[in-house]
Amino acid sequence: MRDTSPNLYCDTSGSNLDDGQIEMAVAEMGASRVLFGSDGTMSGCVGKVLGARISKTDRELIFRGNAARILAARGMTAF
């Protein structure tokens, strides 16, 4: 699906904190298709991204840039 559906995104939510989740998502889909998301355990979701072995640019895309780009494409203002 990731190759045939360019509008498919992955979010970081979930209270499972398995090592390497964010790195795998970035490697498989590219940082431009990973969005920050959280469930009731926001600190874990933030920690998964902050602790991931990814570039600062990728981290900024995940935390804000991707959502801002998607909203802007729909004529909406980012937060």
N, C-alpha and C. Protein backbone atom coordinates (compact mmCIF):
# COMPACT_ATOMS: atom_id res chain seq x y z
N MET A 1 0.82 -1.19 0.00
CA MET A 1 0.00 0.00 0.00
C MET A 1 0.86 1.26 0.00
N ARG A 2 2.01 1.23 0.68
CA ARG A 2 2.81 2.44 0.77
C ARG A 2 3.30 2.90 -0.59
N ASP A 3 3.52 1.97 -1.51
CA ASP A 3 4.04 2.34 -2.82
C ASP A 3 2.94 2.75 -3.79
N THR A 4 1.76 2.24 -3.62
CA THR A 4 0.67 2.55 -4.55
C THR A 4 -0.28 3.61 -4.04
N SER A 5 -0.13 4.02 -2.79
CA SER A 5 -1.01 5.02 -2.20
C SER A 5 -0.17 6.15 -1.58
N PRO A 6 0.23 7.13 -2.39
CA PRO A 6 1.09 8.19 -1.87
C PRO A 6 0.39 9.09 -0.84
N ASN A 7 -0.92 8.98 -0.73
CA ASN A 7 -1.65 9.77 0.26
C ASN A 7 -1.84 9.01 1.57
N LEU A 8 -1.16 7.89 1.72
CA LEU A 8 -1.22 7.11 2.95
C LEU A 8 -0.14 7.60 3.90
N TYR A 9 -0.54 7.93 5.13
CA TYR A 9 0.38 8.44 6.14
C TYR A 9 0.39 7.51 7.34
N CYS A 10 1.44 7.58 8.11
CA CYS A 10 1.58 6.81 9.34
C CYS A 10 1.65 7.81 10.49
N ASP A 11 0.95 7.54 11.58
CA ASP A 11 1.09 8.44 12.73
C ASP A 11 1.79 7.72 13.87
N THR A 12 2.32 8.50 14.78
CA THR A 12 3.17 7.96 15.84
C THR A 12 2.41 7.59 17.10
N SER A 13 1.08 7.68 17.07
CA SER A 13 0.31 7.42 18.29
C SER A 13 0.41 5.96 18.70
N GLY A 14 0.01 5.72 19.90
CA GLY A 14 0.03 4.37 20.44
C GLY A 14 0.92 4.30 21.66
N SER A 15 0.48 3.57 22.64
CA SER A 15 1.24 3.50 23.87
C SER A 15 2.32 2.42 23.84
N ASN A 16 2.41 1.67 22.73
CA ASN A 16 3.50 0.71 22.62
C ASN A 16 4.78 1.47 22.30
N LEU A 17 5.83 1.19 23.02
CA LEU A 17 7.07 1.95 22.90
C LEU A 17 8.22 1.07 22.40
N ASP A 18 7.93 0.22 21.45
CA ASP A 18 8.96 -0.65 20.91
C ASP A 18 10.06 0.16 20.24
N ASP A 19 11.28 -0.20 20.53
CA ASP A 19 12.44 0.48 19.97
C ASP A 19 12.44 0.36 18.45
N GLY A 20 12.73 1.45 17.77
CA GLY A 20 12.90 1.41 16.32
C GLY A 20 11.66 1.67 15.50
N GLN A 21 10.52 1.91 16.12
CA GLN A 21 9.29 2.13 15.36
C GLN A 21 9.39 3.32 14.42
N ILE A 22 9.86 4.43 14.95
CA ILE A 22 9.93 5.65 14.15
C ILE A 22 10.98 5.50 13.05
N GLU A 23 12.12 4.94 13.38
CA GLU A 23 13.16 4.72 12.37
C GLU A 23 12.63 3.84 11.23
N MET A 24 11.89 2.81 11.57
CA MET A 24 11.35 1.92 10.54
C MET A 24 10.34 2.66 9.66
N ALA A 25 9.47 3.45 10.27
CA ALA A 25 8.48 4.19 9.49
C ALA A 25 9.17 5.16 8.53
N VAL A 26 10.19 5.86 9.02
CA VAL A 26 10.92 6.80 8.17
C VAL A 26 11.65 6.05 7.06
N ALA A 27 12.27 4.93 7.38
CA ALA A 27 12.99 4.16 6.37
C ALA A 27 12.05 3.59 5.31
N GLU A 28 10.90 3.12 5.73
CA GLU A 28 9.96 2.46 4.81
C GLU A 28 9.11 3.44 4.00
N MET A 29 8.69 4.54 4.63
CA MET A 29 7.75 5.46 3.97
C MET A 29 8.36 6.81 3.65
N GLY A 30 9.43 7.17 4.34
CA GLY A 30 10.00 8.51 4.21
C GLY A 30 9.41 9.42 5.27
N ALA A 31 10.22 10.31 5.80
CA ALA A 31 9.78 11.19 6.88
C ALA A 31 8.60 12.08 6.47
N SER A 32 8.47 12.36 5.19
CA SER A 32 7.37 13.23 4.75
C SER A 32 6.00 12.56 4.83
N ARG A 33 5.98 11.27 5.18
CA ARG A 33 4.70 10.57 5.31
C ARG A 33 4.46 10.05 6.72
N VAL A 34 5.21 10.58 7.69
CA VAL A 34 5.02 10.22 9.09
C VAL A 34 4.54 11.45 9.84
N LEU A 35 3.45 11.31 10.56
CA LEU A 35 2.84 12.42 11.29
C LEU A 35 2.88 12.16 12.78
N PHE A 36 3.15 13.20 13.56
CA PHE A 36 3.08 13.05 15.00
C PHE A 36 1.62 12.90 15.40
N GLY A 37 1.37 11.96 16.27
CA GLY A 37 0.04 11.75 16.83
C GLY A 37 0.22 11.18 18.22
N SER A 38 -0.77 11.38 19.05
CA SER A 38 -0.67 10.82 20.40
C SER A 38 -2.02 10.29 20.82
N ASP A 39 -1.98 9.38 21.76
CA ASP A 39 -3.20 8.91 22.39
C ASP A 39 -3.17 9.46 23.81
N GLY A 40 -3.62 8.77 24.76
CA GLY A 40 -3.63 9.28 26.12
C GLY A 40 -2.26 9.37 26.76
N THR A 41 -1.26 8.79 26.14
CA THR A 41 0.09 8.78 26.71
C THR A 41 1.01 9.66 25.88
N MET A 42 0.75 10.95 25.93
CA MET A 42 1.49 11.87 25.07
C MET A 42 2.99 11.84 25.31
N SER A 43 3.43 11.68 26.54
CA SER A 43 4.87 11.70 26.79
C SER A 43 5.57 10.55 26.07
N GLY A 44 4.94 9.39 26.02
CA GLY A 44 5.52 8.26 25.30
C GLY A 44 5.60 8.53 23.82
N CYS A 45 4.56 9.14 23.27
CA CYS A 45 4.54 9.44 21.83
C CYS A 45 5.59 10.47 21.47
N VAL A 46 5.75 11.49 22.31
CA VAL A 46 6.79 12.49 22.09
C VAL A 46 8.16 11.83 22.22
N GLY A 47 8.31 10.99 23.24
CA GLY A 47 9.58 10.32 23.47
C GLY A 47 10.01 9.42 22.33
N LYS A 48 9.04 8.75 21.70
CA LYS A 48 9.38 7.89 20.56
C LYS A 48 10.05 8.69 19.46
N VAL A 49 9.56 9.88 19.21
CA VAL A 49 10.12 10.71 18.14
C VAL A 49 11.42 11.36 18.59
N LEU A 50 11.44 11.90 19.80
CA LEU A 50 12.66 12.54 20.30
C LEU A 50 13.81 11.56 20.42
N GLY A 51 13.53 10.32 20.79
CA GLY A 51 14.56 9.31 20.98
C GLY A 51 14.94 8.56 19.72
N ALA A 52 14.22 8.79 18.64
CA ALA A 52 14.51 8.07 17.40
C ALA A 52 15.83 8.53 16.79
N ARG A 53 16.52 7.61 16.18
CA ARG A 53 17.77 7.92 15.50
C ARG A 53 17.46 8.37 14.07
N ILE A 54 16.97 9.62 13.99
CA ILE A 54 16.63 10.24 12.71
C ILE A 54 17.21 11.65 12.72
N SER A 55 17.22 12.27 11.56
CA SER A 55 17.80 13.61 11.48
C SER A 55 16.88 14.66 12.11
N LYS A 56 17.46 15.79 12.43
CA LYS A 56 16.68 16.90 12.98
C LYS A 56 15.61 17.34 11.97
N THR A 57 15.95 17.33 10.70
CA THR A 57 14.99 17.70 9.66
C THR A 57 13.81 16.74 9.64
N ASP A 58 14.09 15.43 9.72
CA ASP A 58 13.01 14.44 9.75
C ASP A 58 12.13 14.64 10.98
N ARG A 59 12.75 14.90 12.12
CA ARG A 59 12.01 15.11 13.37
C ARG A 59 11.08 16.33 13.24
N GLU A 60 11.57 17.41 12.65
CA GLU A 60 10.76 18.61 12.47
C GLU A 60 9.59 18.35 11.52
N LEU A 61 9.82 17.55 10.47
CA LEU A 61 8.72 17.18 9.57
C LEU A 61 7.64 16.42 10.33
N ILE A 62 8.07 15.46 11.13
CA ILE A 62 7.12 14.61 11.87
C ILE A 62 6.33 15.43 12.88
N PHE A 63 7.01 16.28 13.63
CA PHE A 63 6.32 17.04 14.68
C PHE A 63 5.42 18.14 14.13
N ARG A 64 5.78 18.79 13.03
CA ARG A 64 4.99 19.92 12.58
C ARG A 64 4.89 20.07 11.06
N GLY A 65 5.99 19.92 10.38
CA GLY A 65 6.05 20.25 8.96
C GLY A 65 5.06 19.51 8.08
N ASN A 66 4.91 18.22 8.31
CA ASN A 66 3.99 17.44 7.48
C ASN A 66 2.54 17.87 7.67
N ALA A 67 2.13 18.06 8.91
CA ALA A 67 0.76 18.50 9.17
C ALA A 67 0.52 19.88 8.58
N ALA A 68 1.49 20.78 8.71
CA ALA A 68 1.36 22.13 8.15
C ALA A 68 1.21 22.06 6.63
N ARG A 69 2.00 21.20 5.98
CA ARG A 69 1.93 21.05 4.52
C ARG A 69 0.57 20.51 4.08
N ILE A 70 0.07 19.51 4.78
CA ILE A 70 -1.23 18.91 4.43
C ILE A 70 -2.35 19.93 4.62
N LEU A 71 -2.32 20.64 5.73
CA LEU A 71 -3.36 21.66 5.98
C LEU A 71 -3.29 22.78 4.95
N ALA A 72 -2.09 23.24 4.62
CA ALA A 72 -1.92 24.31 3.64
C ALA A 72 -2.46 23.90 2.26
N ALA A 73 -2.26 22.64 1.91
CA ALA A 73 -2.76 22.15 0.61
C ALA A 73 -4.28 22.16 0.55
N ARG A 74 -4.90 22.18 1.71
CA ARG A 74 -6.36 22.22 1.79
C ARG A 74 -6.87 23.62 2.14
N GLY A 75 -5.98 24.61 2.06
CA GLY A 75 -6.35 25.99 2.33
C GLY A 75 -6.57 26.31 3.78
N MET A 76 -5.99 25.51 4.66
CA MET A 76 -6.15 25.73 6.09
C MET A 76 -4.83 26.23 6.68
N THR A 77 -4.93 26.98 7.74
CA THR A 77 -3.75 27.50 8.40
C THR A 77 -3.25 26.48 9.43
N ALA A 78 -1.95 26.31 9.44
CA ALA A 78 -1.35 25.43 10.45
C ALA A 78 -1.39 26.10 11.81
N PHE A 79 -1.26 25.33 12.81
CA PHE A 79 -1.30 25.77 14.21
C PHE A 79 -0.19 26.71 14.56
